[in-house]
N, C-alpha and C. Protein backbone atom coordinates (compact mmCIF):
# COMPACT_ATOMS: atom_id res chain seq x y z
N UNK A 1 62.81 73.01 123.19
CA UNK A 1 63.32 74.34 123.00
C UNK A 1 62.40 75.10 121.98
N UNK A 2 61.86 74.49 120.90
CA UNK A 2 61.11 75.15 119.75
C UNK A 2 60.13 75.70 120.27
N UNK A 3 59.18 75.10 121.34
CA UNK A 3 57.85 75.58 122.00
C UNK A 3 58.12 76.80 122.82
N UNK A 4 59.37 76.63 123.59
CA UNK A 4 59.85 77.67 124.55
C UNK A 4 60.06 79.04 123.57
N UNK A 5 60.63 78.93 122.56
CA UNK A 5 61.00 80.06 121.74
C UNK A 5 59.72 80.66 121.12
N UNK A 6 58.76 79.71 120.75
CA UNK A 6 57.43 80.30 120.29
C UNK A 6 56.73 81.02 121.26
N UNK A 7 56.69 80.60 122.31
CA UNK A 7 55.95 81.32 123.53
C UNK A 7 56.47 82.50 124.03
N UNK A 8 57.90 82.66 123.84
CA UNK A 8 58.53 84.05 123.93
C UNK A 8 58.06 85.11 122.98
N UNK A 9 58.15 84.58 121.69
CA UNK A 9 57.71 85.58 120.74
C UNK A 9 56.24 85.81 120.72
N UNK A 10 55.36 84.92 121.04
CA UNK A 10 54.01 85.17 121.25
C UNK A 10 53.65 86.20 122.33
N UNK A 11 54.31 86.12 123.49
CA UNK A 11 54.13 86.95 124.58
C UNK A 11 54.56 88.27 124.26
N UNK A 12 55.68 88.38 123.53
CA UNK A 12 56.24 89.97 123.17
C UNK A 12 55.28 90.41 122.17
N UNK A 13 54.62 89.73 121.28
CA UNK A 13 53.71 90.31 120.22
C UNK A 13 52.45 90.69 120.94
N UNK A 14 51.97 89.78 121.90
CA UNK A 14 50.69 90.12 122.66
C UNK A 14 50.94 91.35 123.49
N UNK A 15 51.98 91.59 123.81
CA UNK A 15 52.26 92.68 124.93
C UNK A 15 52.15 94.03 124.19
N UNK A 16 52.65 93.99 122.83
CA UNK A 16 52.66 95.43 121.85
C UNK A 16 51.57 95.43 120.89
N UNK A 17 51.00 94.45 120.58
CA UNK A 17 49.95 94.59 119.69
C UNK A 17 48.56 95.08 120.22
N UNK A 18 47.78 95.89 119.52
CA UNK A 18 46.40 96.13 120.14
C UNK A 18 45.61 94.86 120.36
N UNK A 19 44.73 94.99 121.56
CA UNK A 19 43.98 93.85 121.97
C UNK A 19 43.06 93.19 120.83
N UNK A 20 42.75 94.09 119.90
CA UNK A 20 41.87 93.58 118.82
C UNK A 20 42.49 92.35 118.14
N UNK A 21 43.81 92.16 118.14
CA UNK A 21 44.58 91.12 117.36
C UNK A 21 44.93 90.05 118.40
N UNK A 22 44.53 88.92 117.98
CA UNK A 22 45.20 87.88 118.82
C UNK A 22 46.35 87.10 118.21
N UNK A 23 47.18 86.63 119.03
CA UNK A 23 48.37 85.93 118.61
C UNK A 23 48.45 84.61 119.07
N UNK A 24 48.36 83.43 118.39
CA UNK A 24 48.39 82.16 118.91
C UNK A 24 49.25 81.27 117.82
N UNK A 25 49.15 80.05 118.28
CA UNK A 25 49.72 78.97 117.21
C UNK A 25 48.51 78.47 116.79
N UNK A 26 48.42 77.88 115.57
CA UNK A 26 47.23 77.02 115.13
C UNK A 26 47.28 76.69 113.64
N UNK A 27 46.21 76.21 113.20
CA UNK A 27 45.70 75.81 111.76
C UNK A 27 44.76 76.74 111.12
N UNK A 28 45.21 77.22 110.18
CA UNK A 28 44.15 78.08 109.39
C UNK A 28 43.19 77.14 108.53
N UNK A 29 42.06 77.65 108.41
CA UNK A 29 40.90 76.74 107.72
C UNK A 29 40.09 77.78 106.92
N UNK A 30 39.66 77.14 105.62
CA UNK A 30 38.95 77.94 104.72
C UNK A 30 37.55 77.38 104.84
N UNK A 31 36.68 78.25 104.06
CA UNK A 31 35.19 77.89 104.19
C UNK A 31 34.94 76.51 103.25
N UNK A 32 35.95 76.09 102.46
CA UNK A 32 35.87 74.87 101.97
C UNK A 32 36.21 73.47 102.70
N UNK A 33 36.84 73.85 103.85
CA UNK A 33 37.39 72.82 104.69
C UNK A 33 38.72 72.39 104.67
N UNK A 34 39.37 73.03 103.60
CA UNK A 34 40.83 72.99 103.60
C UNK A 34 41.65 73.49 104.75
N UNK A 35 42.74 73.00 105.02
CA UNK A 35 43.55 73.53 106.00
C UNK A 35 45.19 73.81 105.68
N UNK A 36 45.56 74.58 106.45
CA UNK A 36 47.07 74.98 106.47
C UNK A 36 47.88 74.07 107.22
N UNK A 37 49.10 74.03 107.05
CA UNK A 37 50.23 73.34 108.07
C UNK A 37 49.88 73.92 109.39
N UNK A 38 50.45 73.44 110.33
CA UNK A 38 50.43 74.02 111.59
C UNK A 38 51.32 74.96 111.58
N UNK A 39 50.89 76.11 112.12
CA UNK A 39 51.68 77.61 112.06
C UNK A 39 52.07 77.76 113.34
N UNK A 40 53.37 78.30 113.63
CA UNK A 40 53.95 78.48 114.89
C UNK A 40 53.41 79.90 115.48
N UNK A 41 53.14 80.98 114.60
CA UNK A 41 52.48 82.30 115.11
C UNK A 41 51.32 82.66 114.06
N UNK A 42 50.27 82.98 114.51
CA UNK A 42 49.30 83.48 113.54
C UNK A 42 48.70 84.65 114.33
N UNK A 43 48.80 85.88 113.60
CA UNK A 43 48.18 87.10 113.96
C UNK A 43 46.86 87.13 113.27
N UNK A 44 45.87 87.54 114.00
CA UNK A 44 44.47 87.34 113.33
C UNK A 44 43.51 88.27 114.07
N UNK A 45 42.60 88.69 113.47
CA UNK A 45 41.50 89.60 113.97
C UNK A 45 40.46 88.64 114.88
N UNK A 46 40.66 88.74 116.15
CA UNK A 46 39.76 88.31 117.07
C UNK A 46 38.31 89.02 117.31
N UNK A 47 38.35 90.29 116.94
CA UNK A 47 37.13 91.02 117.11
C UNK A 47 36.14 90.73 116.27
N UNK A 48 36.31 90.41 115.27
CA UNK A 48 35.05 90.20 114.01
C UNK A 48 35.04 88.75 113.68
N UNK A 49 36.13 88.07 114.00
CA UNK A 49 36.33 86.67 113.56
C UNK A 49 36.70 85.75 114.50
N UNK A 50 35.79 85.16 115.50
CA UNK A 50 36.37 84.15 116.53
C UNK A 50 36.98 83.02 115.83
N UNK A 51 37.86 82.27 116.61
CA UNK A 51 38.52 81.08 116.09
C UNK A 51 37.49 80.05 116.29
N UNK A 52 37.68 78.92 115.50
CA UNK A 52 36.97 77.75 115.69
C UNK A 52 37.43 76.40 116.21
N UNK A 53 36.72 75.79 116.97
CA UNK A 53 36.91 74.45 117.39
C UNK A 53 38.20 74.58 118.20
N UNK A 54 38.29 75.41 119.11
CA UNK A 54 39.35 75.41 120.40
C UNK A 54 39.20 74.48 120.95
N UNK A 55 40.35 73.45 120.99
CA UNK A 55 40.28 72.40 121.96
C UNK A 55 41.86 72.19 122.42
N UNK A 56 42.17 72.38 123.70
CA UNK A 56 43.45 72.40 124.25
C UNK A 56 44.39 73.03 123.27
N UNK A 57 45.37 72.33 122.72
CA UNK A 57 46.55 73.16 121.92
C UNK A 57 45.97 73.20 120.45
N UNK A 58 44.81 72.77 120.16
CA UNK A 58 44.35 72.68 118.66
C UNK A 58 43.48 73.97 118.40
N UNK A 59 43.79 74.97 117.59
CA UNK A 59 43.09 76.10 117.40
C UNK A 59 43.03 76.21 116.03
N UNK A 60 41.74 76.35 115.39
CA UNK A 60 41.69 76.49 113.93
C UNK A 60 40.88 77.94 113.85
N UNK A 61 41.57 78.54 112.84
CA UNK A 61 41.48 80.01 112.51
C UNK A 61 41.01 80.27 111.23
N UNK A 62 39.69 80.97 111.06
CA UNK A 62 39.33 81.18 109.59
C UNK A 62 40.27 82.04 108.84
N UNK A 63 40.48 81.59 107.63
CA UNK A 63 41.57 82.11 106.59
C UNK A 63 41.15 83.70 106.58
N UNK A 64 40.03 84.09 106.57
CA UNK A 64 39.61 85.60 106.50
C UNK A 64 40.06 86.53 107.39
N UNK A 65 40.52 85.80 108.71
CA UNK A 65 40.85 86.52 109.86
C UNK A 65 42.43 86.86 109.92
N UNK A 66 43.14 86.11 109.07
CA UNK A 66 44.65 86.05 109.28
C UNK A 66 45.21 87.25 108.56
N UNK A 67 46.02 87.94 109.48
CA UNK A 67 46.88 89.06 108.85
C UNK A 67 48.28 88.84 108.66
N UNK A 68 48.86 87.68 109.46
CA UNK A 68 50.22 87.37 109.50
C UNK A 68 50.62 86.08 109.92
N UNK A 69 51.64 85.37 109.43
CA UNK A 69 51.91 84.16 109.84
C UNK A 69 53.53 84.20 110.05
N UNK A 70 53.97 83.72 110.98
CA UNK A 70 55.48 83.63 111.36
C UNK A 70 55.83 82.18 111.78
N UNK A 71 57.05 81.80 111.20
CA UNK A 71 57.63 80.42 111.72
C UNK A 71 58.73 80.89 112.78
N UNK A 72 58.78 80.07 113.83
CA UNK A 72 59.73 80.27 114.67
C UNK A 72 60.84 79.10 114.71
N UNK A 73 62.07 79.24 114.57
CA UNK A 73 62.92 78.46 114.34
C UNK A 73 64.28 78.75 115.29
N UNK A 74 65.28 77.83 115.60
CA UNK A 74 66.51 78.01 116.26
C UNK A 74 67.47 79.14 115.55
N UNK A 75 67.41 79.09 114.22
CA UNK A 75 68.22 79.74 113.50
C UNK A 75 67.65 80.00 111.97
N UNK A 76 67.98 81.22 111.49
CA UNK A 76 67.52 81.41 109.99
C UNK A 76 68.73 80.71 109.20
N UNK A 77 68.26 79.90 108.48
CA UNK A 77 69.34 79.19 107.42
C UNK A 77 68.46 78.78 106.17
N UNK A 78 69.10 78.31 105.18
CA UNK A 78 68.31 78.13 103.92
C UNK A 78 67.33 77.05 104.12
N UNK A 79 67.53 76.23 104.76
CA UNK A 79 66.50 74.93 104.76
C UNK A 79 65.38 75.64 105.76
N UNK A 80 65.48 76.36 106.65
CA UNK A 80 64.50 76.69 107.63
C UNK A 80 63.61 78.08 106.88
N UNK A 81 64.28 78.71 106.04
CA UNK A 81 63.67 79.83 105.14
C UNK A 81 62.72 79.16 104.16
N UNK A 82 63.44 78.07 103.52
CA UNK A 82 62.35 77.20 102.56
C UNK A 82 61.21 76.59 103.37
N UNK A 83 61.46 75.99 104.35
CA UNK A 83 60.39 75.41 105.27
C UNK A 83 59.22 76.55 105.50
N UNK A 84 59.90 77.85 106.03
CA UNK A 84 59.05 78.84 106.37
C UNK A 84 58.04 79.34 105.19
N UNK A 85 58.77 79.23 103.85
CA UNK A 85 58.05 79.69 102.79
C UNK A 85 56.95 78.66 102.39
N UNK A 86 57.04 77.36 102.72
CA UNK A 86 56.16 76.40 102.47
C UNK A 86 54.93 76.51 103.43
N UNK A 87 55.14 76.90 104.64
CA UNK A 87 54.15 77.18 105.52
C UNK A 87 53.33 78.43 105.25
N UNK A 88 54.01 79.44 104.61
CA UNK A 88 53.30 80.66 104.24
C UNK A 88 52.26 80.35 103.09
N UNK A 89 52.83 79.36 102.21
CA UNK A 89 52.10 79.13 100.94
C UNK A 89 51.14 78.42 101.47
N UNK A 90 51.19 77.47 102.36
CA UNK A 90 49.94 76.57 102.89
C UNK A 90 48.87 77.52 103.41
N UNK A 91 49.06 78.78 103.95
CA UNK A 91 47.98 79.51 104.34
C UNK A 91 47.63 80.57 103.15
N UNK A 92 48.60 81.15 102.39
CA UNK A 92 48.03 82.01 101.14
C UNK A 92 47.21 81.37 100.14
N UNK A 93 47.48 80.07 100.15
CA UNK A 93 46.57 79.51 98.80
C UNK A 93 45.29 78.98 99.36
N UNK A 94 44.92 79.16 100.71
CA UNK A 94 43.42 78.81 101.12
C UNK A 94 42.45 79.89 100.53
N UNK A 95 41.56 79.44 100.31
CA UNK A 95 40.05 80.22 99.63
C UNK A 95 39.82 81.19 100.74
N UNK A 96 39.55 82.43 100.67
CA UNK A 96 39.01 83.47 101.39
C UNK A 96 38.00 84.05 100.80
N UNK A 97 36.98 84.55 101.79
CA UNK A 97 35.83 85.00 101.17
C UNK A 97 35.57 86.63 101.78
N UNK A 98 34.69 87.27 101.12
CA UNK A 98 34.44 88.68 101.94
C UNK A 98 32.98 89.09 101.19
N UNK A 99 32.24 89.38 102.11
CA UNK A 99 30.86 89.69 101.78
C UNK A 99 30.45 90.93 102.19
N UNK A 100 29.41 91.64 101.60
CA UNK A 100 28.98 93.00 102.11
C UNK A 100 28.39 92.77 103.61
N UNK A 101 28.40 93.82 104.31
CA UNK A 101 28.05 93.97 105.96
C UNK A 101 26.89 94.85 105.84
N UNK A 102 25.67 94.06 106.32
CA UNK A 102 24.47 94.93 106.36
C UNK A 102 24.51 95.73 107.68
N UNK A 103 23.93 96.85 107.74
CA UNK A 103 23.77 97.76 108.90
C UNK A 103 22.50 98.58 108.56
N UNK A 104 22.08 99.30 109.81
CA UNK A 104 20.84 99.88 109.80
C UNK A 104 20.47 100.77 108.55
N UNK A 105 21.64 101.37 108.09
CA UNK A 105 21.52 102.33 107.01
C UNK A 105 21.50 101.86 105.64
N UNK A 106 21.79 100.53 105.56
CA UNK A 106 21.87 99.79 104.22
C UNK A 106 22.98 98.65 104.46
N UNK A 107 23.97 98.98 103.54
CA UNK A 107 25.09 97.75 103.35
C UNK A 107 26.35 98.40 103.21
N UNK A 108 27.45 97.89 103.77
CA UNK A 108 28.87 98.39 103.41
C UNK A 108 29.20 97.25 102.38
N UNK A 109 30.02 97.75 101.24
CA UNK A 109 30.33 96.67 100.23
C UNK A 109 31.37 95.76 100.98
N UNK A 110 31.67 94.58 100.35
CA UNK A 110 32.46 93.66 100.58
C UNK A 110 33.93 94.27 100.62
N UNK A 111 34.68 94.10 101.71
CA UNK A 111 36.09 94.54 101.69
C UNK A 111 37.05 93.81 100.95
N UNK A 112 37.84 94.44 100.16
CA UNK A 112 38.94 93.48 99.35
C UNK A 112 39.67 92.84 100.17
N UNK A 113 40.08 91.74 99.86
CA UNK A 113 40.90 90.73 100.56
C UNK A 113 42.49 91.26 100.61
N UNK A 114 43.04 91.36 101.95
CA UNK A 114 44.36 92.10 102.08
C UNK A 114 45.32 90.76 102.09
N UNK A 115 46.53 91.34 101.59
CA UNK A 115 47.74 90.15 101.41
C UNK A 115 48.02 89.71 102.96
N UNK A 116 48.27 88.48 103.12
CA UNK A 116 48.79 87.97 104.23
C UNK A 116 50.28 87.90 104.40
N UNK A 117 50.69 88.68 105.27
CA UNK A 117 52.22 88.87 105.36
C UNK A 117 52.67 87.42 106.23
N UNK A 118 54.13 87.20 105.84
CA UNK A 118 54.53 85.97 106.16
C UNK A 118 56.13 86.38 106.57
N UNK A 119 56.56 85.48 107.60
CA UNK A 119 57.91 85.91 108.07
C UNK A 119 58.36 84.73 108.95
N UNK A 120 59.73 85.04 109.44
CA UNK A 120 60.51 84.09 110.24
C UNK A 120 60.99 84.82 111.27
N UNK A 121 61.15 84.17 112.44
CA UNK A 121 61.87 84.70 113.71
C UNK A 121 62.69 83.70 114.37
N UNK A 122 63.79 84.09 114.75
CA UNK A 122 64.72 83.09 115.25
C UNK A 122 65.86 83.93 116.21
N UNK A 123 66.27 83.14 117.14
CA UNK A 123 67.46 83.70 117.97
C UNK A 123 68.82 84.23 117.29
N UNK A 124 68.99 83.29 116.33
CA UNK A 124 70.28 83.56 115.45
C UNK A 124 70.08 83.39 114.13
N UNK A 125 71.17 83.81 113.34
CA UNK A 125 71.25 83.52 111.91
C UNK A 125 72.37 82.83 111.48
N UNK A 126 72.30 81.95 110.43
CA UNK A 126 73.44 80.99 110.11
C UNK A 126 74.58 81.57 109.53
N UNK A 127 74.29 82.63 108.64
CA UNK A 127 75.36 83.28 107.70
C UNK A 127 76.15 84.19 108.65
N UNK A 128 77.39 84.09 108.74
CA UNK A 128 78.22 85.10 109.53
C UNK A 128 78.03 86.59 109.29
N UNK A 129 77.84 86.84 107.96
CA UNK A 129 77.68 88.26 107.39
C UNK A 129 76.19 88.85 107.72
N UNK A 130 75.39 87.98 108.14
CA UNK A 130 74.16 88.46 108.77
C UNK A 130 73.03 88.46 107.51
N UNK A 131 71.99 89.30 107.88
CA UNK A 131 70.86 89.46 107.15
C UNK A 131 71.10 90.21 105.87
N UNK A 132 72.06 91.17 106.01
CA UNK A 132 72.28 91.85 104.71
C UNK A 132 73.39 91.21 103.90
N UNK A 133 73.60 89.81 104.01
CA UNK A 133 74.86 89.39 103.24
C UNK A 133 74.18 88.74 101.85
N UNK A 134 75.03 88.62 100.82
CA UNK A 134 74.56 88.12 99.56
C UNK A 134 74.14 86.67 99.64
N UNK A 135 74.80 85.82 100.48
CA UNK A 135 74.09 84.48 100.58
C UNK A 135 72.58 84.42 101.20
N UNK A 136 72.38 85.11 102.17
CA UNK A 136 71.08 85.32 102.57
C UNK A 136 70.24 85.90 101.76
N UNK A 137 70.42 87.06 101.03
CA UNK A 137 69.53 87.68 100.09
C UNK A 137 69.22 86.76 99.01
N UNK A 138 70.22 85.88 98.65
CA UNK A 138 69.98 84.99 97.38
C UNK A 138 68.88 83.98 97.83
N UNK A 139 69.08 83.41 98.96
CA UNK A 139 68.20 82.51 99.50
C UNK A 139 66.93 83.16 99.64
N UNK A 140 66.62 84.29 100.26
CA UNK A 140 65.34 84.88 100.61
C UNK A 140 64.70 85.22 99.10
N UNK A 141 65.52 85.73 98.17
CA UNK A 141 64.92 86.08 96.79
C UNK A 141 64.41 84.73 96.09
N UNK A 142 64.95 83.62 96.39
CA UNK A 142 64.56 82.39 95.79
C UNK A 142 63.07 81.96 96.20
N UNK A 143 62.62 82.67 97.25
CA UNK A 143 61.26 82.50 97.47
C UNK A 143 60.33 83.35 96.82
N UNK A 144 59.61 82.87 96.05
CA UNK A 144 58.63 83.53 95.10
C UNK A 144 57.04 83.39 95.34
N UNK A 145 56.30 84.14 94.80
CA UNK A 145 54.85 83.87 94.90
C UNK A 145 54.40 83.78 96.31
N UNK A 146 53.47 82.76 96.62
CA UNK A 146 52.75 82.44 97.78
C UNK A 146 53.95 82.11 98.74
N UNK A 147 55.20 81.64 98.43
CA UNK A 147 56.13 81.41 99.37
C UNK A 147 56.95 82.30 99.99
N UNK A 148 56.65 83.60 99.24
CA UNK A 148 57.65 84.75 99.59
C UNK A 148 57.45 85.09 101.24
N UNK A 149 58.77 85.48 101.64
CA UNK A 149 58.64 86.01 103.08
C UNK A 149 58.86 87.48 103.11
N UNK A 150 58.07 88.03 103.84
CA UNK A 150 57.93 89.61 103.82
C UNK A 150 58.83 90.20 105.18
N UNK A 151 59.07 89.35 106.10
CA UNK A 151 59.89 89.97 107.12
C UNK A 151 60.50 89.05 107.99
N UNK A 152 61.31 89.21 108.84
CA UNK A 152 62.02 88.37 109.55
C UNK A 152 62.97 89.10 110.56
N UNK A 153 63.25 88.29 111.68
CA UNK A 153 64.13 88.72 112.71
C UNK A 153 65.00 87.69 113.15
N UNK A 154 66.33 87.97 113.32
CA UNK A 154 67.17 87.34 113.89
C UNK A 154 67.82 88.10 115.29
N UNK A 155 67.54 87.60 116.50
CA UNK A 155 67.80 88.29 117.66
C UNK A 155 69.20 88.74 117.79
N UNK A 156 70.25 87.92 117.34
CA UNK A 156 71.60 88.33 117.36
C UNK A 156 72.03 89.05 116.34
N UNK A 157 71.37 89.40 115.30
CA UNK A 157 71.95 90.27 114.18
C UNK A 157 70.91 91.54 113.95
N UNK A 158 69.85 91.27 113.18
CA UNK A 158 68.83 92.27 112.85
C UNK A 158 67.75 91.84 112.49
N UNK A 159 66.86 92.60 111.91
CA UNK A 159 65.85 92.17 111.27
C UNK A 159 65.51 92.86 109.80
N UNK A 160 64.63 92.00 109.07
CA UNK A 160 64.55 92.55 107.67
C UNK A 160 63.15 92.73 107.31
N UNK A 161 62.72 93.65 106.21
CA UNK A 161 61.28 93.84 105.87
C UNK A 161 61.46 94.05 104.49
N UNK A 162 60.58 93.46 103.67
CA UNK A 162 60.61 93.73 102.20
C UNK A 162 59.40 94.69 101.87
N UNK A 163 59.54 95.84 101.84
CA UNK A 163 58.60 96.84 101.73
C UNK A 163 58.84 97.46 100.40
N UNK A 164 57.72 97.35 99.41
CA UNK A 164 57.62 97.76 98.17
C UNK A 164 58.67 97.01 97.40
N UNK A 165 58.83 95.77 97.77
CA UNK A 165 59.92 94.89 97.04
C UNK A 165 61.39 95.29 97.32
N UNK A 166 61.64 96.11 98.27
CA UNK A 166 63.03 96.53 98.54
C UNK A 166 63.32 96.10 99.82
N UNK A 167 64.60 95.54 100.18
CA UNK A 167 64.97 95.07 101.33
C UNK A 167 65.28 96.17 102.28
N UNK A 168 64.64 96.04 103.21
CA UNK A 168 65.02 97.25 104.36
C UNK A 168 65.61 96.36 105.53
N UNK A 169 66.82 96.59 106.21
CA UNK A 169 67.49 95.99 107.37
C UNK A 169 67.26 96.86 108.28
N UNK A 170 67.25 96.46 109.57
CA UNK A 170 67.07 97.15 110.79
C UNK A 170 68.08 96.42 111.77
N UNK A 171 69.00 97.40 112.43
CA UNK A 171 70.00 96.79 113.43
C UNK A 171 69.49 96.76 114.62
């Protein structure tokens, strides 16, 4: 059931994101050879950074290309939120590089590293009161630093986004 849900979310994201962005499951790798945990959904730049060592269901994606990582679970609950936070941390703590880009007229300076967005998607949510409930918020707020989750979606309830550290919910 988990892989079926992953594929549904991957297809939906591919349908609406510009073609520049790839949406796959995989492992993120850095230039030192360190790897993340297996990630359910990775949104990355395929235009400038191709994936590495694609073999069957194993895809290695350079850390510099990753924009977002999402975990897909059957429900959003305390254990799965913590699990998703650890998965996010496994990507965010990887070493990322940025170098100047040479061109015919000189050189563009190295781009600053952008934050990697992390989140979770699921068909349902454990808390009866939903995403705007105090128990959910307490659990979400316990994820700090590299384990922080920026967004999420429970299909039967609503979505959340932490924009400027303020919780926004969408019905």
